[in-house]
N, C-alpha and C. Protein backbone atom coordinates (compact mmCIF):
# COMPACT_ATOMS: atom_id res chain seq x y z
N MET A 1 -75.14 -55.41 39.40
CA MET A 1 -73.91 -55.07 39.93
C MET A 1 -73.89 -54.73 41.35
N ARG A 2 -73.19 -54.85 42.34
CA ARG A 2 -73.42 -54.62 43.62
C ARG A 2 -71.75 -54.00 43.86
N LEU A 3 -71.54 -52.47 44.03
CA LEU A 3 -70.63 -51.95 44.06
C LEU A 3 -69.90 -52.17 45.29
N GLY A 4 -70.73 -52.25 46.44
CA GLY A 4 -70.06 -52.87 47.32
C GLY A 4 -69.34 -54.05 47.58
N LEU A 5 -69.96 -54.87 47.10
CA LEU A 5 -68.95 -56.43 46.91
C LEU A 5 -67.94 -56.32 46.23
N VAL A 6 -67.87 -55.15 45.11
CA VAL A 6 -66.45 -55.05 44.35
C VAL A 6 -65.65 -54.56 44.72
N ALA A 7 -65.95 -53.52 45.65
CA ALA A 7 -64.97 -52.49 46.45
C ALA A 7 -64.36 -53.63 47.29
N VAL A 8 -65.42 -54.46 48.37
CA VAL A 8 -65.18 -55.36 49.40
C VAL A 8 -64.06 -56.32 48.96
N GLY A 9 -64.45 -56.86 47.58
CA GLY A 9 -63.40 -57.84 46.90
C GLY A 9 -61.77 -57.37 46.34
N LEU A 10 -62.09 -56.16 45.77
CA LEU A 10 -60.61 -55.65 45.43
C LEU A 10 -59.57 -55.04 46.57
N ALA A 11 -60.24 -54.81 47.68
CA ALA A 11 -59.69 -54.44 48.68
C ALA A 11 -59.20 -55.69 49.55
N PHE A 12 -59.55 -57.12 49.44
CA PHE A 12 -59.09 -58.03 49.92
C PHE A 12 -58.08 -58.65 48.69
N VAL A 13 -57.96 -58.48 47.42
CA VAL A 13 -57.18 -58.43 46.38
C VAL A 13 -55.81 -57.96 46.57
N VAL A 14 -56.30 -56.62 47.12
CA VAL A 14 -55.33 -55.40 46.89
C VAL A 14 -54.19 -56.08 48.16
N VAL A 15 -54.61 -56.56 49.42
CA VAL A 15 -54.08 -56.67 50.32
C VAL A 15 -53.41 -57.84 50.35
N GLY A 16 -54.01 -58.95 49.80
CA GLY A 16 -53.50 -60.16 49.40
C GLY A 16 -52.21 -60.52 48.69
N GLY A 17 -52.25 -59.45 47.33
CA GLY A 17 -51.48 -59.05 46.96
C GLY A 17 -50.02 -58.35 46.92
N GLY A 18 -50.05 -57.64 48.18
CA GLY A 18 -48.82 -56.75 49.06
C GLY A 18 -48.67 -57.71 50.07
N LEU A 19 -49.19 -58.63 50.68
CA LEU A 19 -48.85 -59.55 51.09
C LEU A 19 -47.48 -60.26 50.51
N VAL A 20 -48.38 -61.17 49.51
CA VAL A 20 -47.37 -61.89 48.65
C VAL A 20 -45.98 -61.10 48.00
N ALA A 21 -46.18 -59.65 47.95
CA ALA A 21 -44.70 -59.52 47.11
C ALA A 21 -44.14 -59.06 48.33
N SER A 22 -44.59 -58.72 49.63
CA SER A 22 -43.85 -58.08 50.72
C SER A 22 -43.19 -59.19 50.92
N LEU A 23 -43.74 -60.64 50.73
CA LEU A 23 -43.06 -61.99 51.42
C LEU A 23 -41.96 -62.20 50.39
N PHE A 24 -41.75 -62.47 49.13
CA PHE A 24 -40.72 -62.62 48.15
C PHE A 24 -39.74 -61.31 48.27
N LEU A 25 -40.09 -59.99 48.51
CA LEU A 25 -39.25 -59.09 47.85
C LEU A 25 -38.38 -58.62 49.30
N PHE A 26 -38.92 -59.07 50.73
CA PHE A 26 -38.56 -58.51 51.70
C PHE A 26 -37.81 -59.97 52.76
N SER A 27 -38.11 -61.12 52.00
CA SER A 27 -37.69 -61.86 52.94
C SER A 27 -37.01 -63.12 51.70
N SER A 28 -36.77 -62.93 50.91
CA SER A 28 -35.99 -63.81 49.73
C SER A 28 -34.97 -63.87 50.42
N ALA A 29 -34.21 -65.53 49.54
CA ALA A 29 -33.19 -65.91 49.66
C ALA A 29 -32.26 -65.37 48.57
N SER A 30 -30.80 -65.53 48.83
CA SER A 30 -29.70 -64.78 48.16
C SER A 30 -28.61 -65.40 47.95
N PRO A 31 -28.24 -66.13 46.61
CA PRO A 31 -27.22 -67.23 46.34
C PRO A 31 -26.31 -66.77 46.89
N PRO A 32 -25.09 -67.75 47.04
CA PRO A 32 -23.61 -67.26 47.36
C PRO A 32 -23.13 -66.65 46.04
N GLY A 33 -21.79 -65.57 46.05
CA GLY A 33 -21.19 -64.98 44.93
C GLY A 33 -20.32 -64.60 45.38
N ALA A 34 -19.62 -63.76 44.42
CA ALA A 34 -18.31 -63.50 44.66
C ALA A 34 -17.94 -62.29 44.17
N LEU A 35 -16.73 -60.77 44.70
CA LEU A 35 -16.84 -59.95 43.37
C LEU A 35 -15.45 -59.60 43.71
N SER A 36 -14.88 -58.47 42.86
CA SER A 36 -13.64 -58.15 42.90
C SER A 36 -13.58 -56.59 43.03
N ARG A 37 -12.65 -55.81 43.73
CA ARG A 37 -12.63 -54.33 43.37
C ARG A 37 -11.12 -53.97 43.09
N VAL A 38 -10.96 -53.07 41.88
CA VAL A 38 -9.49 -52.76 41.46
C VAL A 38 -9.41 -51.49 41.88
N VAL A 39 -8.32 -50.93 42.25
CA VAL A 39 -8.16 -49.99 42.26
C VAL A 39 -6.53 -49.25 42.03
N THR A 40 -6.30 -48.45 40.91
CA THR A 40 -5.22 -48.01 40.27
C THR A 40 -4.87 -46.54 40.57
N ALA A 41 -3.26 -46.59 40.28
CA ALA A 41 -3.33 -44.96 40.52
C ALA A 41 -2.16 -44.85 39.93
N SER A 42 -1.77 -43.99 39.22
CA SER A 42 -0.36 -43.69 38.71
C SER A 42 0.40 -42.14 38.87
N GLN A 43 1.71 -42.25 39.08
CA GLN A 43 2.22 -40.70 39.28
C GLN A 43 1.72 -40.30 40.83
N ILE A 44 1.61 -41.07 41.64
CA ILE A 44 1.25 -40.46 42.97
C ILE A 44 2.64 -39.86 43.84
N ALA A 45 2.43 -38.31 43.93
CA ALA A 45 3.64 -37.66 44.31
C ALA A 45 4.19 -37.70 45.45
N PRO A 46 5.82 -37.52 46.05
CA PRO A 46 6.11 -38.08 46.98
C PRO A 46 5.61 -37.17 48.08
N ASN A 47 4.91 -37.93 49.61
CA ASN A 47 4.57 -37.85 50.56
C ASN A 47 2.99 -37.16 50.29
N GLN A 48 2.29 -37.69 49.28
CA GLN A 48 0.85 -37.16 48.82
C GLN A 48 0.50 -38.41 49.07
N THR A 49 -1.08 -38.64 49.54
CA THR A 49 -2.02 -39.79 50.18
C THR A 49 -2.99 -39.57 48.66
N GLN A 50 -3.37 -40.63 48.10
CA GLN A 50 -4.85 -40.92 47.84
C GLN A 50 -5.27 -42.15 48.56
N SER A 51 -6.63 -41.59 48.40
CA SER A 51 -7.61 -42.66 48.74
C SER A 51 -8.98 -43.26 48.14
N TRP A 52 -9.32 -44.16 48.59
CA TRP A 52 -10.58 -45.06 47.92
C TRP A 52 -11.78 -45.49 48.92
N SER A 53 -12.77 -45.52 48.96
CA SER A 53 -13.69 -46.46 49.08
C SER A 53 -14.39 -47.42 47.94
N LEU A 54 -14.13 -48.19 48.81
CA LEU A 54 -14.79 -49.59 47.84
C LEU A 54 -15.86 -50.77 48.81
N ASP A 55 -16.89 -50.37 47.94
CA ASP A 55 -18.53 -51.14 48.15
C ASP A 55 -18.30 -52.92 48.17
N THR A 56 -18.69 -53.24 49.26
CA THR A 56 -18.65 -54.90 49.26
C THR A 56 -19.98 -55.06 49.63
N VAL A 57 -20.27 -56.69 49.66
CA VAL A 57 -21.31 -57.08 50.57
C VAL A 57 -21.80 -57.26 51.47
N ALA A 58 -22.39 -57.08 52.65
CA ALA A 58 -22.22 -57.11 54.05
C ALA A 58 -22.83 -58.61 54.26
N THR A 59 -22.36 -59.14 54.98
CA THR A 59 -22.18 -61.06 55.43
C THR A 59 -22.07 -61.13 56.74
N THR A 60 -22.72 -62.11 56.89
CA THR A 60 -21.74 -62.57 57.85
C THR A 60 -21.03 -64.00 57.91
N ALA A 61 -20.93 -64.29 56.85
CA ALA A 61 -20.13 -65.27 56.57
C ALA A 61 -19.56 -64.81 55.06
N GLY A 62 -18.18 -64.97 55.09
CA GLY A 62 -17.40 -64.35 54.07
C GLY A 62 -16.20 -64.18 54.02
N SER A 63 -15.32 -64.00 53.19
CA SER A 63 -14.02 -63.80 52.91
C SER A 63 -13.23 -62.49 52.28
N LEU A 64 -12.45 -62.11 52.58
CA LEU A 64 -12.06 -61.05 52.41
C LEU A 64 -10.81 -60.95 51.65
N THR A 65 -10.08 -60.46 51.04
CA THR A 65 -8.42 -60.47 50.49
C THR A 65 -8.20 -59.08 49.81
N LEU A 66 -7.10 -58.68 50.39
CA LEU A 66 -6.55 -57.31 49.70
C LEU A 66 -5.05 -57.72 49.27
N THR A 67 -4.95 -57.28 48.16
CA THR A 67 -3.35 -57.42 47.60
C THR A 67 -3.33 -56.35 47.04
N TRP A 68 -1.73 -55.75 47.08
CA TRP A 68 -1.42 -54.84 46.64
C TRP A 68 -0.06 -54.56 46.10
N SER A 69 0.61 -53.60 44.97
CA SER A 69 1.81 -53.53 44.77
C SER A 69 2.27 -51.77 44.54
N SER A 70 3.24 -51.46 44.53
CA SER A 70 3.77 -50.24 44.32
C SER A 70 4.78 -50.25 43.83
N THR A 71 5.45 -49.29 42.74
CA THR A 71 6.69 -48.89 42.11
C THR A 71 7.44 -48.42 43.10
N VAL A 72 7.29 -47.92 43.71
CA VAL A 72 8.45 -47.32 44.96
C VAL A 72 7.83 -47.83 46.60
N ARG A 73 8.44 -47.09 47.52
CA ARG A 73 8.36 -47.45 49.11
C ARG A 73 6.50 -47.22 49.07
N THR A 74 5.83 -47.25 49.66
CA THR A 74 5.16 -46.90 49.92
C THR A 74 3.91 -46.85 51.29
N ASP A 75 3.52 -46.22 51.96
CA ASP A 75 2.21 -46.58 53.20
C ASP A 75 1.31 -46.40 53.12
N VAL A 76 0.47 -47.70 53.31
CA VAL A 76 -1.21 -47.97 52.84
C VAL A 76 -1.28 -48.92 54.27
N ALA A 77 -2.81 -48.14 54.07
CA ALA A 77 -3.73 -48.08 55.26
C ALA A 77 -4.99 -48.72 55.01
N PHE A 78 -5.46 -49.74 55.43
CA PHE A 78 -6.79 -50.43 55.10
C PHE A 78 -7.75 -50.63 56.44
N TYR A 79 -9.19 -49.86 55.67
CA TYR A 79 -9.86 -49.44 56.86
C TYR A 79 -11.24 -50.00 56.52
N ARG A 80 -12.34 -50.52 57.62
CA ARG A 80 -13.74 -50.80 57.40
C ARG A 80 -14.22 -48.96 57.15
N ALA A 81 -15.19 -48.95 56.32
CA ALA A 81 -15.53 -47.55 55.53
C ALA A 81 -17.07 -47.23 56.48
N THR A 82 -17.41 -46.01 57.01
CA THR A 82 -18.69 -45.62 57.21
C THR A 82 -18.82 -44.35 56.75
N ALA A 83 -19.93 -43.88 56.83
CA ALA A 83 -20.69 -42.54 56.58
C ALA A 83 -19.97 -41.36 57.25
N CYS A 84 -19.07 -40.79 56.46
CA CYS A 84 -18.71 -39.53 57.13
C CYS A 84 -19.64 -38.55 57.86
N SER A 85 -19.20 -38.02 58.53
CA SER A 85 -20.05 -37.00 60.17
C SER A 85 -20.57 -35.87 58.93
N SER A 86 -19.68 -35.55 57.70
CA SER A 86 -20.73 -34.80 56.88
C SER A 86 -21.93 -34.89 56.68
N GLY A 87 -22.03 -36.26 56.42
CA GLY A 87 -22.93 -36.77 55.51
C GLY A 87 -22.88 -37.11 54.36
N VAL A 88 -21.52 -36.68 53.52
CA VAL A 88 -21.39 -37.13 52.32
C VAL A 88 -20.05 -37.80 52.26
N GLY A 89 -19.96 -39.03 51.44
CA GLY A 89 -19.24 -40.24 51.21
C GLY A 89 -19.01 -40.87 52.17
N LEU A 90 -17.78 -41.48 52.09
CA LEU A 90 -17.36 -42.81 53.10
C LEU A 90 -15.88 -42.38 53.95
N CYS A 91 -15.73 -42.39 54.80
CA CYS A 91 -14.43 -42.10 55.52
C CYS A 91 -14.00 -43.50 56.35
N PRO A 92 -12.66 -43.50 56.89
CA PRO A 92 -12.26 -44.49 57.23
C PRO A 92 -12.55 -44.71 58.53
N THR A 93 -12.77 -46.04 59.26
CA THR A 93 -13.27 -45.80 60.84
C THR A 93 -11.99 -46.63 61.09
N ASP A 94 -11.17 -45.66 62.29
CA ASP A 94 -10.60 -46.45 62.84
C ASP A 94 -10.52 -47.53 64.32
N PRO A 95 -9.93 -48.53 64.70
CA PRO A 95 -8.22 -48.60 63.86
C PRO A 95 -8.48 -49.35 62.82
N ALA A 96 -7.00 -49.14 61.79
CA ALA A 96 -6.99 -49.73 60.60
C ALA A 96 -7.01 -51.24 60.84
N LEU A 97 -7.71 -51.86 60.16
CA LEU A 97 -7.53 -53.54 59.70
C LEU A 97 -6.35 -53.83 59.26
N ALA A 98 -5.52 -53.24 58.35
CA ALA A 98 -3.92 -53.57 58.21
C ALA A 98 -3.35 -52.29 57.86
N GLU A 99 -2.09 -52.41 58.34
CA GLU A 99 -0.85 -51.54 57.82
C GLU A 99 0.37 -51.72 57.53
N TRP A 100 0.96 -50.86 57.01
CA TRP A 100 2.21 -51.24 55.87
C TRP A 100 2.84 -50.08 56.09
N ALA A 101 4.28 -49.99 56.48
CA ALA A 101 4.93 -48.79 55.96
C ALA A 101 6.31 -48.98 55.32
N ALA A 102 6.18 -48.25 54.39
CA ALA A 102 7.63 -47.88 53.10
C ALA A 102 8.13 -49.43 52.63
N VAL A 103 6.95 -49.64 52.23
CA VAL A 103 7.25 -51.37 51.60
C VAL A 103 6.81 -51.17 50.26
N VAL A 104 7.02 -52.19 49.13
CA VAL A 104 6.43 -52.29 47.73
C VAL A 104 5.09 -53.33 47.47
N SER A 105 4.98 -53.74 48.62
CA SER A 105 3.59 -55.29 48.52
C SER A 105 3.06 -55.13 49.37
N GLY A 106 2.00 -55.69 49.57
CA GLY A 106 1.70 -56.48 51.28
C GLY A 106 0.25 -56.67 50.65
N SER A 107 -0.35 -58.03 51.38
CA SER A 107 -1.57 -58.95 51.48
C SER A 107 -2.05 -58.94 52.52
N TRP A 108 -3.38 -59.10 52.51
CA TRP A 108 -4.15 -59.12 54.20
C TRP A 108 -5.58 -59.95 53.40
N LYS A 109 -6.04 -60.84 54.58
CA LYS A 109 -7.14 -61.86 54.15
C LYS A 109 -7.60 -62.09 55.99
N THR A 110 -9.11 -61.80 55.76
CA THR A 110 -10.09 -62.05 56.93
C THR A 110 -11.49 -62.81 56.18
N SER A 111 -11.60 -63.52 57.30
CA SER A 111 -13.00 -64.07 56.74
C SER A 111 -14.16 -64.18 58.22
N GLY A 112 -15.67 -64.05 58.02
CA GLY A 112 -16.35 -64.24 59.13
C GLY A 112 -17.45 -63.06 58.55
N SER A 113 -17.66 -62.19 59.60
CA SER A 113 -18.45 -61.12 59.14
C SER A 113 -17.86 -59.93 58.49
N LEU A 114 -18.43 -59.46 57.53
CA LEU A 114 -17.87 -58.30 56.61
C LEU A 114 -18.62 -57.43 56.40
N ALA A 115 -18.34 -56.07 56.37
CA ALA A 115 -19.08 -54.68 56.24
C ALA A 115 -19.20 -54.72 54.70
N SER A 116 -19.83 -53.36 54.97
CA SER A 116 -20.79 -53.12 53.16
C SER A 116 -19.18 -52.09 52.38
N ALA A 117 -18.50 -51.64 53.25
CA ALA A 117 -17.59 -50.52 52.54
C ALA A 117 -16.01 -50.75 53.37
N TYR A 118 -15.53 -50.55 52.46
CA TYR A 118 -14.19 -50.63 53.09
C TYR A 118 -13.25 -49.31 52.20
N PHE A 119 -12.13 -48.90 52.78
CA PHE A 119 -11.32 -47.57 52.59
C PHE A 119 -9.83 -48.13 52.55
N VAL A 120 -9.34 -47.64 51.51
CA VAL A 120 -7.71 -47.91 51.27
C VAL A 120 -6.86 -46.28 50.96
N ALA A 121 -5.84 -46.45 51.59
CA ALA A 121 -5.17 -45.21 51.28
C ALA A 121 -3.67 -45.10 51.67
N ALA A 122 -3.43 -44.79 50.60
CA ALA A 122 -1.76 -44.95 49.91
C ALA A 122 -0.94 -43.61 49.81
N THR A 123 0.13 -44.12 50.76
CA THR A 123 0.92 -42.44 50.75
C THR A 123 2.42 -43.03 50.22
N ASP A 124 3.09 -42.12 49.14
CA ASP A 124 4.06 -42.32 48.60
C ASP A 124 5.04 -42.06 49.65
N ALA A 125 5.86 -42.90 49.93
CA ALA A 125 7.18 -42.68 51.46
C ALA A 125 8.30 -42.62 50.33
N SER A 126 8.30 -42.27 49.63
CA SER A 126 9.68 -42.39 48.45
C SER A 126 9.95 -40.81 48.16
N SER A 127 11.58 -40.52 47.38
CA SER A 127 11.58 -39.46 47.22
C SER A 127 10.90 -39.16 44.90
N GLY A 128 10.48 -40.03 44.57
CA GLY A 128 10.13 -40.20 43.15
C GLY A 128 8.22 -40.66 43.47
N PRO A 129 8.14 -40.73 42.08
CA PRO A 129 6.31 -41.05 41.82
C PRO A 129 6.01 -42.25 42.09
N ALA A 130 4.96 -42.54 42.78
CA ALA A 130 4.51 -43.92 43.08
C ALA A 130 3.53 -44.40 41.89
N ASP A 131 3.57 -45.33 40.91
CA ASP A 131 2.15 -46.47 40.37
C ASP A 131 1.86 -47.55 41.64
N PHE A 132 0.39 -47.54 41.92
CA PHE A 132 -0.25 -48.11 42.86
C PHE A 132 -1.06 -49.11 41.97
N ASN A 133 -1.03 -50.29 42.75
CA ASN A 133 -2.31 -50.80 42.46
C ASN A 133 -2.63 -51.96 43.70
N ALA A 134 -4.13 -52.10 43.58
CA ALA A 134 -4.66 -52.66 44.33
C ALA A 134 -6.01 -53.55 44.18
N THR A 135 -6.26 -55.03 44.85
CA THR A 135 -7.37 -55.75 44.12
C THR A 135 -7.82 -55.97 45.60
N LEU A 136 -9.25 -55.43 45.93
CA LEU A 136 -10.12 -55.86 46.87
C LEU A 136 -10.79 -57.40 46.03
N GLY A 137 -10.67 -58.81 46.73
CA GLY A 137 -11.87 -59.55 46.52
C GLY A 137 -12.64 -60.29 47.80
N GLU A 138 -13.69 -60.20 47.06
CA GLU A 138 -14.84 -60.95 48.70
C GLU A 138 -15.78 -61.98 47.76
N THR A 139 -15.91 -63.12 49.09
CA THR A 139 -16.46 -64.10 48.48
C THR A 139 -17.65 -64.13 49.54
N TYR A 140 -18.57 -64.32 49.44
CA TYR A 140 -19.54 -64.65 50.43
C TYR A 140 -20.98 -65.49 50.29
N ALA A 141 -21.07 -66.34 51.32
CA ALA A 141 -21.96 -67.61 51.31
C ALA A 141 -23.45 -66.95 51.31
N GLY A 142 -24.40 -67.75 50.82
CA GLY A 142 -25.72 -67.40 50.07
C GLY A 142 -26.44 -67.43 51.51
N THR A 143 -27.66 -66.41 52.00
CA THR A 143 -28.65 -66.71 52.75
C THR A 143 -29.65 -67.16 52.52
N PRO A 144 -30.24 -67.74 53.87
CA PRO A 144 -31.52 -68.49 53.84
C PRO A 144 -32.54 -67.67 53.37
N PHE A 145 -33.74 -68.19 53.11
CA PHE A 145 -35.14 -67.54 53.08
C PHE A 145 -35.16 -66.90 54.64
N GLY A 146 -35.82 -65.76 54.53
CA GLY A 146 -35.89 -64.68 55.62
C GLY A 146 -37.18 -65.76 56.59
N LEU A 147 -37.93 -66.46 56.55
CA LEU A 147 -38.79 -66.94 57.28
C LEU A 147 -38.60 -68.13 57.32
N PRO A 148 -39.19 -68.66 58.84
CA PRO A 148 -38.92 -70.19 58.86
C PRO A 148 -39.94 -70.97 58.39
N THR A 149 -39.83 -72.18 57.99
CA THR A 149 -40.78 -72.75 57.41
C THR A 149 -42.09 -72.70 57.36
N PRO A 150 -42.76 -73.43 58.72
CA PRO A 150 -43.80 -73.10 59.51
C PRO A 150 -44.65 -71.76 59.12
N THR A 151 -43.95 -70.67 59.66
CA THR A 151 -44.33 -69.49 59.16
C THR A 151 -44.61 -68.92 57.83
N LEU A 152 -43.56 -69.80 56.81
CA LEU A 152 -44.21 -69.28 55.41
C LEU A 152 -45.19 -69.72 54.94
N VAL A 153 -45.31 -71.16 55.16
CA VAL A 153 -46.33 -72.00 55.41
C VAL A 153 -48.00 -70.85 55.57
N LEU A 154 -47.77 -70.96 56.73
CA LEU A 154 -48.92 -70.30 57.35
C LEU A 154 -49.39 -68.84 56.47
N VAL A 155 -48.47 -68.20 56.26
CA VAL A 155 -48.57 -66.59 55.65
C VAL A 155 -48.87 -66.87 54.01
N THR A 156 -48.49 -67.96 53.44
CA THR A 156 -48.88 -68.32 52.40
C THR A 156 -50.36 -68.58 51.83
N ILE A 157 -50.43 -69.65 52.95
CA ILE A 157 -52.05 -69.73 53.17
C ILE A 157 -52.97 -69.02 53.18
N GLY A 158 -52.80 -67.65 54.19
CA GLY A 158 -53.27 -66.71 54.23
C GLY A 158 -53.46 -65.87 53.34
N CYS A 159 -52.52 -65.56 52.22
CA CYS A 159 -52.39 -64.61 51.51
C CYS A 159 -53.21 -65.59 50.17
N VAL A 160 -53.27 -66.96 49.92
CA VAL A 160 -54.02 -67.21 49.01
C VAL A 160 -55.39 -67.27 49.39
N LEU A 161 -55.93 -67.46 50.92
CA LEU A 161 -57.55 -67.51 51.09
C LEU A 161 -57.56 -65.76 50.91
N LEU A 162 -56.80 -64.74 51.19
CA LEU A 162 -57.50 -63.67 50.68
C LEU A 162 -57.29 -63.29 49.29
N LEU A 163 -56.58 -63.49 48.53
CA LEU A 163 -56.69 -63.58 47.22
C LEU A 163 -58.14 -64.06 46.50
N ALA A 164 -58.64 -65.20 47.15
CA ALA A 164 -59.74 -65.96 46.66
C ALA A 164 -60.69 -65.56 47.31
N THR A 165 -60.68 -65.05 48.33
CA THR A 165 -62.35 -64.13 48.95
C THR A 165 -62.12 -62.84 48.06
N GLY A 166 -61.30 -62.11 47.51
CA GLY A 166 -61.05 -60.68 47.14
C GLY A 166 -61.77 -61.28 45.68
N ALA A 167 -61.22 -62.25 44.85
CA ALA A 167 -61.96 -62.90 43.79
C ALA A 167 -63.24 -63.02 43.35
N ILE A 168 -63.52 -64.05 44.80
CA ILE A 168 -65.20 -64.25 44.80
C ILE A 168 -65.94 -62.60 44.55
N GLY A 169 -65.72 -62.28 45.53
CA GLY A 169 -66.58 -61.24 45.99
C GLY A 169 -66.69 -60.20 44.88
N VAL A 170 -65.64 -59.97 43.79
CA VAL A 170 -65.22 -58.81 42.65
C VAL A 170 -66.16 -59.85 41.83
N PHE A 171 -66.24 -61.38 41.44
CA PHE A 171 -66.78 -62.23 40.37
C PHE A 171 -68.54 -61.62 40.86
N LEU A 172 -68.81 -61.66 42.22
CA LEU A 172 -70.50 -61.95 42.84
C LEU A 172 -71.00 -60.30 42.40
N GLY A 173 -69.54 -59.28 42.76
CA GLY A 173 -70.30 -58.23 42.58
C GLY A 173 -70.60 -57.73 41.42
N LEU A 174 -70.17 -58.08 40.45
CA LEU A 174 -70.10 -57.63 39.06
C LEU A 174 -71.18 -58.49 38.28
N PHE A 175 -71.72 -59.68 39.06
CA PHE A 175 -72.48 -60.58 37.81
C PHE A 175 -73.83 -60.67 39.13
N LEU A 176 -73.94 -60.26 40.25
CA LEU A 176 -75.02 -60.85 40.72
C LEU A 176 -76.18 -59.69 40.59
N PRO A 177 -77.26 -60.36 40.38
CA PRO A 177 -78.40 -59.15 39.81
C PRO A 177 -78.65 -58.72 41.22
N GLY A 178 -78.96 -56.99 40.96
CA GLY A 178 -79.18 -56.26 41.57
C GLY A 178 -80.45 -56.33 42.50
N SER A 179 -81.20 -56.82 41.80
CA SER A 179 -83.09 -57.65 42.52
C SER A 179 -82.92 -58.38 43.41
N VAL A 180 -81.81 -58.87 43.68
CA VAL A 180 -81.86 -60.14 44.74
C VAL A 180 -82.52 -59.37 46.08
N TYR A 181 -81.81 -57.97 46.10
CA TYR A 181 -82.14 -57.49 47.78
C TYR A 181 -83.10 -56.54 47.53
N ARG A 182 -84.01 -56.32 46.55
CA ARG A 182 -85.31 -56.08 46.55
C ARG A 182 -86.03 -56.26 47.67
N GLY A 183 -87.18 -55.33 48.72
CA GLY A 183 -88.01 -55.60 49.53
C GLY A 183 -89.16 -56.24 48.77
N ARG A 184 -90.16 -56.75 49.78
CA ARG A 184 -91.24 -57.06 49.19
C ARG A 184 -91.99 -56.05 48.65
N PRO A 185 -92.89 -56.23 47.82
CA PRO A 185 -93.72 -55.23 46.96
C PRO A 185 -94.57 -54.88 48.67
N PRO A 186 -95.43 -53.47 48.36
CA PRO A 186 -96.07 -52.81 49.33
C PRO A 186 -97.87 -53.75 49.22
N GLU A 187 -98.05 -53.68 50.28
CA GLU A 187 -99.57 -54.26 50.60
C GLU A 187 -100.71 -53.32 50.55
N GLY A 188 -101.88 -53.51 49.85
CA GLY A 188 -102.81 -52.97 49.44
C GLY A 188 -102.66 -51.21 49.85
N PRO A 189 -103.65 -50.13 49.40
CA PRO A 189 -104.58 -50.79 48.41
C PRO A 189 -104.47 -50.86 47.35
N TYR A 190 -105.64 -51.70 46.72
CA TYR A 190 -105.41 -52.42 45.61
C TYR A 190 -106.31 -51.77 44.68
N PRO A 191 -105.86 -51.30 43.48
CA PRO A 191 -107.31 -50.72 43.12
C PRO A 191 -108.17 -51.44 42.44
N PRO A 192 -109.21 -50.58 42.08
CA PRO A 192 -110.47 -51.29 42.06
C PRO A 192 -110.68 -52.36 40.81
N ILE A 193 -111.38 -53.44 40.95
CA ILE A 193 -111.76 -54.42 39.96
C ILE A 193 -113.07 -54.04 39.24
N ALA A 194 -112.94 -54.28 37.72
CA ALA A 194 -113.93 -53.71 37.06
C ALA A 194 -115.15 -54.55 37.32
N GLU A 195 -116.07 -54.51 37.23
CA GLU A 195 -117.15 -55.59 37.12
C GLU A 195 -117.17 -56.64 36.15
N ASP A 196 -117.04 -55.62 34.96
CA ASP A 196 -116.58 -56.76 33.52
C ASP A 196 -115.81 -58.04 33.96
N ASP A 197 -114.52 -58.01 34.88
CA ASP A 197 -113.85 -58.98 34.87
C ASP A 197 -114.37 -59.58 36.28
N LEU A 198 -115.09 -59.75 36.91
CA LEU A 198 -115.64 -60.62 38.19
C LEU A 198 -116.42 -61.62 36.74
N ASP A 199 -116.02 -62.84 37.30
CA ASP A 199 -116.64 -63.96 36.29
C ASP A 199 -118.03 -64.64 37.42
N VAL A 200 -119.03 -63.89 37.61
CA VAL A 200 -120.17 -63.86 38.78
C VAL A 200 -121.81 -64.11 37.47
N ASP A 201 -122.11 -64.97 37.86
CA ASP A 201 -123.72 -64.82 37.49
C ASP A 201 -124.40 -64.88 38.51
N PHE A 202 -125.28 -63.91 37.91
CA PHE A 202 -126.42 -63.03 38.84
C PHE A 202 -127.73 -63.78 37.86
N GLU A 203 -128.82 -64.15 38.99
CA GLU A 203 -130.21 -65.05 38.44
C GLU A 203 -131.26 -63.80 38.85
N GLU A 204 -131.99 -63.43 37.86
CA GLU A 204 -133.16 -62.22 38.13
C GLU A 204 -134.15 -63.19 38.50
N PRO A 205 -134.71 -62.48 39.87
CA PRO A 205 -136.00 -63.23 40.44
C PRO A 205 -136.94 -63.24 40.06
N GLU A 206 -137.82 -64.35 40.22
CA GLU A 206 -138.95 -64.48 39.13
C GLU A 206 -140.26 -63.92 39.84
N ASP A 207 -140.75 -63.84 38.56
CA ASP A 207 -141.87 -62.93 39.00
C ASP A 207 -143.34 -63.68 39.26
N GLU A 208 -143.66 -63.20 40.94
CA GLU A 208 -144.84 -64.41 41.29
C GLU A 208 -146.01 -64.13 40.83
N ASN A 209 -146.38 -62.85 40.16
CA ASN A 209 -147.86 -62.13 39.49
C ASN A 209 -147.72 -62.86 37.87
């Protein structure tokens, strides 16, 4: 087993997998949709104000409709909402998008770029308690995939190559024998060879006498 190859292969796999996750988490498309927010208030006292922040889907292509009604004459104001200066909650952003004074119902509609939150304020303008109801409806278009097609293809190919290289590295690191990288055996001195191991025939000289 080659720990170095395994570590390098795992690094490639992690980087490739992270790129794939980021690609689809942060550049994904969203389908079109619609939502509705309902406000209901009972027994608003005379000259008293109640307000509500309503979250929506921020989009560059959508439509927004506000309809409301009250049992008595009511002053109503509708704003975009933003984070309050205190850092807690949402507050209205001037100027008001729509205003009604001392009436019992109203409606307003817009289309185009929409914010992520809005603010409704209702003030009882009569001498009796008010029951107030409002509905904020939104429809929004889907958003395309965040990356152009050529860029998406290139990034996808790069992710696949990283993952494949990492997988190969891990495989080789796990199954490649460690002896492949061993050096040559040292040269000499060699141990002496016993005489019995020598296959040599010796002839004794003839006695001339």
